[in-house]
Amino acid sequence: MAEASENGHAPQALVVEDDPAVGLAILRLLRKRGYEVKLVASRAHAMEQTGNFDCAVVDLELPDGNGVDIAERMIARDQTRVVVFFTGGHNAALVARAGAYGPIVTKGADLHELERTLAEQLGRVR
């Protein structure tokens, strides 16, 4: 179960995933664990977000851009301190860039691996 955020509310998570089935699976898992989740399916929609999130789960390769740009912007604007990338992509340059902003979990992994990584990262910033 997710710990309450600093304000005592459920942790807020932004999920950026273009595959509807994967996005829905992440949303369901995180909600079941106590997160409040906002799901968007593109870089453009992620860049439009104005709220703050305790964490972001971001696909690296999106049809309209990449997840590193999203992470850079969110961190620069203090919209989140935790980013976990969830990807099936194999672009080595993009993976290397992403590593500077947060851990990378491959889509071949169990969704619980994503959840564990997210919880671990949230624990480090509290």
N, C-alpha and C. Protein backbone atom coordinates (compact mmCIF):
# COMPACT_ATOMS: atom_id res chain seq x y z
N MET A 1 0.83 -1.17 0.00
CA MET A 1 0.00 0.00 0.00
C MET A 1 0.89 1.24 0.00
N ALA A 2 0.52 2.23 -0.77
CA ALA A 2 1.29 3.46 -0.87
C ALA A 2 1.14 4.27 0.41
N GLU A 3 2.24 4.91 0.81
CA GLU A 3 2.20 5.79 1.97
C GLU A 3 1.58 7.10 1.55
N ALA A 4 0.97 7.78 2.50
CA ALA A 4 0.39 9.09 2.22
C ALA A 4 1.50 10.05 1.83
N SER A 5 1.16 11.00 0.96
CA SER A 5 2.13 12.00 0.55
C SER A 5 2.36 12.97 1.70
N GLU A 6 3.26 13.93 1.51
CA GLU A 6 3.61 14.87 2.57
C GLU A 6 2.41 15.62 3.11
N ASN A 7 1.38 15.85 2.29
CA ASN A 7 0.20 16.59 2.74
C ASN A 7 -0.84 15.67 3.39
N GLY A 8 -0.51 14.39 3.58
CA GLY A 8 -1.41 13.46 4.23
C GLY A 8 -2.42 12.80 3.32
N HIS A 9 -2.42 13.13 2.04
CA HIS A 9 -3.34 12.55 1.07
C HIS A 9 -2.68 11.39 0.34
N ALA A 10 -3.49 10.68 -0.42
CA ALA A 10 -2.95 9.59 -1.24
C ALA A 10 -1.91 10.16 -2.20
N PRO A 11 -0.85 9.42 -2.48
CA PRO A 11 0.15 9.91 -3.43
C PRO A 11 -0.46 10.13 -4.81
N GLN A 12 -0.08 11.22 -5.44
CA GLN A 12 -0.56 11.58 -6.77
C GLN A 12 0.44 11.04 -7.80
N ALA A 13 -0.04 10.30 -8.78
CA ALA A 13 0.83 9.74 -9.81
C ALA A 13 0.34 10.16 -11.20
N LEU A 14 1.28 10.56 -12.03
CA LEU A 14 1.00 10.79 -13.45
C LEU A 14 1.55 9.60 -14.20
N VAL A 15 0.72 8.98 -15.04
CA VAL A 15 1.15 7.86 -15.88
C VAL A 15 1.04 8.32 -17.32
N VAL A 16 2.16 8.22 -18.05
CA VAL A 16 2.20 8.59 -19.46
C VAL A 16 2.50 7.33 -20.25
N GLU A 17 1.47 6.81 -20.93
CA GLU A 17 1.60 5.53 -21.65
C GLU A 17 0.68 5.54 -22.85
N ASP A 18 1.25 5.29 -24.04
CA ASP A 18 0.44 5.33 -25.27
C ASP A 18 -0.29 4.03 -25.57
N ASP A 19 0.11 2.94 -24.97
CA ASP A 19 -0.59 1.67 -25.18
C ASP A 19 -1.75 1.60 -24.19
N PRO A 20 -3.00 1.65 -24.68
CA PRO A 20 -4.15 1.70 -23.76
C PRO A 20 -4.21 0.53 -22.77
N ALA A 21 -3.87 -0.66 -23.19
CA ALA A 21 -3.94 -1.81 -22.30
C ALA A 21 -2.90 -1.71 -21.19
N VAL A 22 -1.70 -1.28 -21.54
CA VAL A 22 -0.64 -1.14 -20.53
C VAL A 22 -0.98 0.01 -19.58
N GLY A 23 -1.43 1.14 -20.14
CA GLY A 23 -1.80 2.27 -19.31
C GLY A 23 -2.89 1.91 -18.31
N LEU A 24 -3.90 1.20 -18.76
CA LEU A 24 -4.99 0.79 -17.88
C LEU A 24 -4.51 -0.17 -16.80
N ALA A 25 -3.61 -1.07 -17.16
CA ALA A 25 -3.07 -2.02 -16.17
C ALA A 25 -2.29 -1.28 -15.09
N ILE A 26 -1.49 -0.30 -15.48
CA ILE A 26 -0.73 0.49 -14.49
C ILE A 26 -1.69 1.28 -13.62
N LEU A 27 -2.66 1.93 -14.24
CA LEU A 27 -3.66 2.71 -13.51
C LEU A 27 -4.35 1.85 -12.46
N ARG A 28 -4.82 0.69 -12.86
CA ARG A 28 -5.52 -0.20 -11.93
C ARG A 28 -4.63 -0.64 -10.78
N LEU A 29 -3.39 -1.01 -11.08
CA LEU A 29 -2.46 -1.46 -10.05
C LEU A 29 -2.20 -0.35 -9.05
N LEU A 30 -1.89 0.84 -9.55
CA LEU A 30 -1.57 1.95 -8.64
C LEU A 30 -2.78 2.38 -7.83
N ARG A 31 -3.95 2.42 -8.44
CA ARG A 31 -5.16 2.77 -7.67
C ARG A 31 -5.43 1.74 -6.58
N LYS A 32 -5.23 0.48 -6.92
CA LYS A 32 -5.44 -0.60 -5.94
C LYS A 32 -4.48 -0.43 -4.75
N ARG A 33 -3.33 0.16 -5.02
CA ARG A 33 -2.32 0.36 -3.98
C ARG A 33 -2.46 1.70 -3.27
N GLY A 34 -3.51 2.46 -3.60
CA GLY A 34 -3.78 3.69 -2.86
C GLY A 34 -3.35 4.98 -3.52
N TYR A 35 -2.87 4.92 -4.73
CA TYR A 35 -2.47 6.13 -5.45
C TYR A 35 -3.69 6.77 -6.12
N GLU A 36 -3.66 8.09 -6.25
CA GLU A 36 -4.58 8.79 -7.14
C GLU A 36 -3.83 8.95 -8.45
N VAL A 37 -4.43 8.50 -9.56
CA VAL A 37 -3.70 8.40 -10.82
C VAL A 37 -4.35 9.24 -11.91
N LYS A 38 -3.51 9.96 -12.63
CA LYS A 38 -3.91 10.68 -13.85
C LYS A 38 -3.18 9.97 -14.99
N LEU A 39 -3.94 9.48 -15.96
CA LEU A 39 -3.39 8.74 -17.09
C LEU A 39 -3.51 9.59 -18.36
N VAL A 40 -2.39 9.79 -19.04
CA VAL A 40 -2.39 10.47 -20.33
C VAL A 40 -1.64 9.60 -21.32
N ALA A 41 -1.95 9.79 -22.62
CA ALA A 41 -1.43 8.86 -23.63
C ALA A 41 -0.41 9.47 -24.59
N SER A 42 0.01 10.70 -24.33
CA SER A 42 0.96 11.32 -25.27
C SER A 42 1.87 12.31 -24.57
N ARG A 43 2.97 12.63 -25.25
CA ARG A 43 3.88 13.65 -24.76
C ARG A 43 3.14 14.98 -24.65
N ALA A 44 2.35 15.31 -25.68
CA ALA A 44 1.63 16.58 -25.69
C ALA A 44 0.71 16.72 -24.47
N HIS A 45 -0.05 15.67 -24.16
CA HIS A 45 -0.94 15.73 -23.01
C HIS A 45 -0.16 15.79 -21.70
N ALA A 46 0.96 15.12 -21.63
CA ALA A 46 1.79 15.17 -20.42
C ALA A 46 2.34 16.58 -20.22
N MET A 47 2.75 17.23 -21.31
CA MET A 47 3.32 18.57 -21.21
C MET A 47 2.26 19.61 -20.82
N GLU A 48 0.99 19.30 -21.03
CA GLU A 48 -0.10 20.22 -20.66
C GLU A 48 -0.45 20.16 -19.18
N GLN A 49 0.05 19.17 -18.46
CA GLN A 49 -0.30 19.02 -17.05
C GLN A 49 0.27 20.18 -16.24
N THR A 50 -0.55 20.74 -15.38
CA THR A 50 -0.11 21.88 -14.57
C THR A 50 -0.01 21.55 -13.09
N GLY A 51 -0.54 20.43 -12.69
CA GLY A 51 -0.51 20.07 -11.27
C GLY A 51 0.82 19.47 -10.85
N ASN A 52 0.92 19.21 -9.56
CA ASN A 52 2.09 18.54 -9.02
C ASN A 52 1.75 17.09 -8.72
N PHE A 53 2.75 16.24 -8.87
CA PHE A 53 2.59 14.80 -8.68
C PHE A 53 3.71 14.30 -7.78
N ASP A 54 3.38 13.36 -6.92
CA ASP A 54 4.41 12.74 -6.10
C ASP A 54 5.36 11.91 -6.95
N CYS A 55 4.83 11.38 -8.05
CA CYS A 55 5.64 10.54 -8.93
C CYS A 55 5.05 10.52 -10.33
N ALA A 56 5.90 10.12 -11.27
CA ALA A 56 5.46 9.96 -12.66
C ALA A 56 6.01 8.65 -13.20
N VAL A 57 5.16 7.89 -13.86
CA VAL A 57 5.56 6.69 -14.58
C VAL A 57 5.45 7.04 -16.05
N VAL A 58 6.57 7.01 -16.75
CA VAL A 58 6.63 7.56 -18.09
C VAL A 58 7.20 6.54 -19.08
N ASP A 59 6.46 6.33 -20.17
CA ASP A 59 6.96 5.52 -21.28
C ASP A 59 8.06 6.32 -21.95
N LEU A 60 9.14 5.68 -22.33
CA LEU A 60 10.24 6.40 -22.98
C LEU A 60 9.93 6.78 -24.41
N GLU A 61 9.29 5.88 -25.14
CA GLU A 61 9.04 6.14 -26.56
C GLU A 61 7.54 6.31 -26.79
N LEU A 62 7.17 7.52 -27.19
CA LEU A 62 5.78 7.87 -27.45
C LEU A 62 5.64 8.29 -28.90
N PRO A 63 4.45 8.18 -29.47
CA PRO A 63 4.28 8.52 -30.89
C PRO A 63 4.65 9.98 -31.21
N ASP A 64 4.49 10.87 -30.23
CA ASP A 64 4.75 12.29 -30.49
C ASP A 64 5.98 12.83 -29.77
N GLY A 65 6.86 11.96 -29.33
CA GLY A 65 8.08 12.42 -28.66
C GLY A 65 8.63 11.37 -27.73
N ASN A 66 9.37 11.83 -26.72
CA ASN A 66 9.96 10.86 -25.80
C ASN A 66 9.73 11.27 -24.34
N GLY A 67 9.84 10.29 -23.50
CA GLY A 67 9.58 10.49 -22.08
C GLY A 67 10.64 11.29 -21.36
N VAL A 68 11.85 11.34 -21.88
CA VAL A 68 12.90 12.12 -21.22
C VAL A 68 12.53 13.60 -21.23
N ASP A 69 11.98 14.08 -22.33
CA ASP A 69 11.55 15.48 -22.39
C ASP A 69 10.50 15.77 -21.31
N ILE A 70 9.61 14.83 -21.09
CA ILE A 70 8.58 14.99 -20.06
C ILE A 70 9.22 15.06 -18.68
N ALA A 71 10.13 14.14 -18.41
CA ALA A 71 10.81 14.11 -17.11
C ALA A 71 11.59 15.41 -16.88
N GLU A 72 12.34 15.85 -17.88
CA GLU A 72 13.12 17.08 -17.75
C GLU A 72 12.22 18.25 -17.37
N ARG A 73 11.12 18.38 -18.08
CA ARG A 73 10.20 19.50 -17.84
C ARG A 73 9.55 19.42 -16.48
N MET A 74 9.07 18.24 -16.11
CA MET A 74 8.40 18.10 -14.82
C MET A 74 9.35 18.38 -13.66
N ILE A 75 10.56 17.91 -13.76
CA ILE A 75 11.54 18.13 -12.69
C ILE A 75 11.94 19.60 -12.64
N ALA A 76 12.17 20.21 -13.80
CA ALA A 76 12.55 21.62 -13.85
C ALA A 76 11.46 22.52 -13.26
N ARG A 77 10.21 22.13 -13.42
CA ARG A 77 9.08 22.92 -12.92
C ARG A 77 8.64 22.49 -11.51
N ASP A 78 9.40 21.62 -10.89
CA ASP A 78 9.07 21.10 -9.57
C ASP A 78 7.68 20.45 -9.53
N GLN A 79 7.29 19.82 -10.64
CA GLN A 79 6.00 19.13 -10.67
C GLN A 79 6.12 17.73 -10.09
N THR A 80 7.32 17.19 -10.03
CA THR A 80 7.56 15.89 -9.41
C THR A 80 9.03 15.79 -9.05
N ARG A 81 9.31 14.91 -8.11
CA ARG A 81 10.70 14.61 -7.76
C ARG A 81 11.06 13.18 -8.11
N VAL A 82 10.05 12.39 -8.46
CA VAL A 82 10.28 10.97 -8.76
C VAL A 82 9.73 10.63 -10.14
N VAL A 83 10.63 10.11 -10.98
CA VAL A 83 10.23 9.61 -12.30
C VAL A 83 10.75 8.19 -12.44
N VAL A 84 9.88 7.29 -12.87
CA VAL A 84 10.27 5.93 -13.21
C VAL A 84 9.84 5.71 -14.65
N PHE A 85 10.78 5.28 -15.47
CA PHE A 85 10.48 5.02 -16.87
C PHE A 85 10.07 3.56 -17.02
N PHE A 86 9.04 3.33 -17.82
CA PHE A 86 8.52 1.99 -18.09
C PHE A 86 8.49 1.86 -19.60
N THR A 87 9.35 1.03 -20.15
CA THR A 87 9.51 1.03 -21.60
C THR A 87 9.81 -0.33 -22.18
N GLY A 88 9.41 -0.49 -23.40
CA GLY A 88 9.77 -1.66 -24.18
C GLY A 88 10.77 -1.28 -25.26
N GLY A 89 11.14 -0.01 -25.29
CA GLY A 89 12.05 0.49 -26.32
C GLY A 89 13.49 0.07 -26.10
N HIS A 90 14.24 0.16 -27.17
CA HIS A 90 15.64 -0.27 -27.11
C HIS A 90 16.58 0.79 -27.66
N ASN A 91 16.15 2.04 -27.67
CA ASN A 91 16.98 3.13 -28.15
C ASN A 91 18.04 3.43 -27.08
N ALA A 92 19.27 2.99 -27.32
CA ALA A 92 20.34 3.09 -26.32
C ALA A 92 20.61 4.52 -25.90
N ALA A 93 20.59 5.45 -26.82
CA ALA A 93 20.85 6.86 -26.49
C ALA A 93 19.75 7.40 -25.58
N LEU A 94 18.53 7.06 -25.88
CA LEU A 94 17.40 7.52 -25.08
C LEU A 94 17.43 6.89 -23.69
N VAL A 95 17.75 5.62 -23.63
CA VAL A 95 17.86 4.93 -22.34
C VAL A 95 18.95 5.58 -21.49
N ALA A 96 20.07 5.92 -22.11
CA ALA A 96 21.17 6.57 -21.38
C ALA A 96 20.73 7.93 -20.83
N ARG A 97 20.02 8.71 -21.63
CA ARG A 97 19.52 10.01 -21.17
C ARG A 97 18.53 9.82 -20.02
N ALA A 98 17.67 8.85 -20.15
CA ALA A 98 16.64 8.62 -19.14
C ALA A 98 17.25 8.27 -17.79
N GLY A 99 18.34 7.53 -17.81
CA GLY A 99 18.99 7.10 -16.57
C GLY A 99 19.40 8.25 -15.67
N ALA A 100 19.56 9.44 -16.23
CA ALA A 100 19.92 10.61 -15.44
C ALA A 100 18.75 11.12 -14.61
N TYR A 101 17.53 10.71 -14.97
CA TYR A 101 16.33 11.23 -14.30
C TYR A 101 15.62 10.21 -13.43
N GLY A 102 15.85 8.95 -13.67
CA GLY A 102 15.18 7.94 -12.87
C GLY A 102 15.44 6.55 -13.37
N PRO A 103 15.06 5.56 -12.59
CA PRO A 103 15.28 4.17 -12.98
C PRO A 103 14.39 3.77 -14.16
N ILE A 104 14.81 2.73 -14.84
CA ILE A 104 14.10 2.23 -16.01
C ILE A 104 13.66 0.80 -15.74
N VAL A 105 12.38 0.55 -15.90
CA VAL A 105 11.82 -0.80 -15.76
C VAL A 105 11.34 -1.22 -17.14
N THR A 106 11.77 -2.38 -17.59
CA THR A 106 11.36 -2.82 -18.93
C THR A 106 9.94 -3.39 -18.89
N LYS A 107 9.22 -3.20 -19.98
CA LYS A 107 7.84 -3.68 -20.06
C LYS A 107 7.75 -5.19 -20.01
N GLY A 108 8.84 -5.87 -20.24
CA GLY A 108 8.84 -7.32 -20.11
C GLY A 108 8.79 -7.78 -18.66
N ALA A 109 9.06 -6.84 -17.74
CA ALA A 109 9.05 -7.16 -16.31
C ALA A 109 7.61 -7.22 -15.81
N ASP A 110 7.44 -7.87 -14.71
CA ASP A 110 6.16 -7.92 -14.03
C ASP A 110 5.78 -6.51 -13.57
N LEU A 111 4.49 -6.17 -13.63
CA LEU A 111 4.05 -4.84 -13.17
C LEU A 111 4.40 -4.60 -11.70
N HIS A 112 4.53 -5.65 -10.94
CA HIS A 112 4.89 -5.49 -9.54
C HIS A 112 6.33 -4.98 -9.41
N GLU A 113 7.16 -5.27 -10.39
CA GLU A 113 8.52 -4.71 -10.42
C GLU A 113 8.44 -3.19 -10.55
N LEU A 114 7.54 -2.72 -11.38
CA LEU A 114 7.32 -1.28 -11.53
C LEU A 114 6.84 -0.69 -10.20
N GLU A 115 5.90 -1.35 -9.58
CA GLU A 115 5.37 -0.87 -8.30
C GLU A 115 6.47 -0.82 -7.23
N ARG A 116 7.30 -1.86 -7.14
CA ARG A 116 8.39 -1.89 -6.16
C ARG A 116 9.38 -0.76 -6.41
N THR A 117 9.72 -0.55 -7.68
CA THR A 117 10.67 0.51 -8.02
C THR A 117 10.10 1.87 -7.66
N LEU A 118 8.85 2.08 -7.94
CA LEU A 118 8.18 3.35 -7.63
C LEU A 118 8.17 3.59 -6.11
N ALA A 119 7.79 2.58 -5.35
CA ALA A 119 7.75 2.71 -3.89
C ALA A 119 9.15 2.99 -3.33
N GLU A 120 10.14 2.32 -3.88
CA GLU A 120 11.53 2.54 -3.44
C GLU A 120 11.96 3.98 -3.71
N GLN A 121 11.66 4.48 -4.88
CA GLN A 121 12.03 5.85 -5.24
C GLN A 121 11.28 6.87 -4.39
N LEU A 122 10.02 6.64 -4.13
CA LEU A 122 9.26 7.55 -3.27
C LEU A 122 9.82 7.56 -1.85
N GLY A 123 10.26 6.40 -1.37
CA GLY A 123 10.86 6.32 -0.04
C GLY A 123 12.14 7.10 0.08
N ARG A 124 12.86 7.25 -1.00
CA ARG A 124 14.13 8.00 -0.97
C ARG A 124 13.95 9.50 -0.88
N VAL A 125 12.80 10.01 -1.32
CA VAL A 125 12.61 11.46 -1.31
C VAL A 125 11.81 11.95 -0.11
N ARG A 126 11.37 11.07 0.72
CA ARG A 126 10.58 11.48 1.90
C ARG A 126 11.49 11.93 3.02
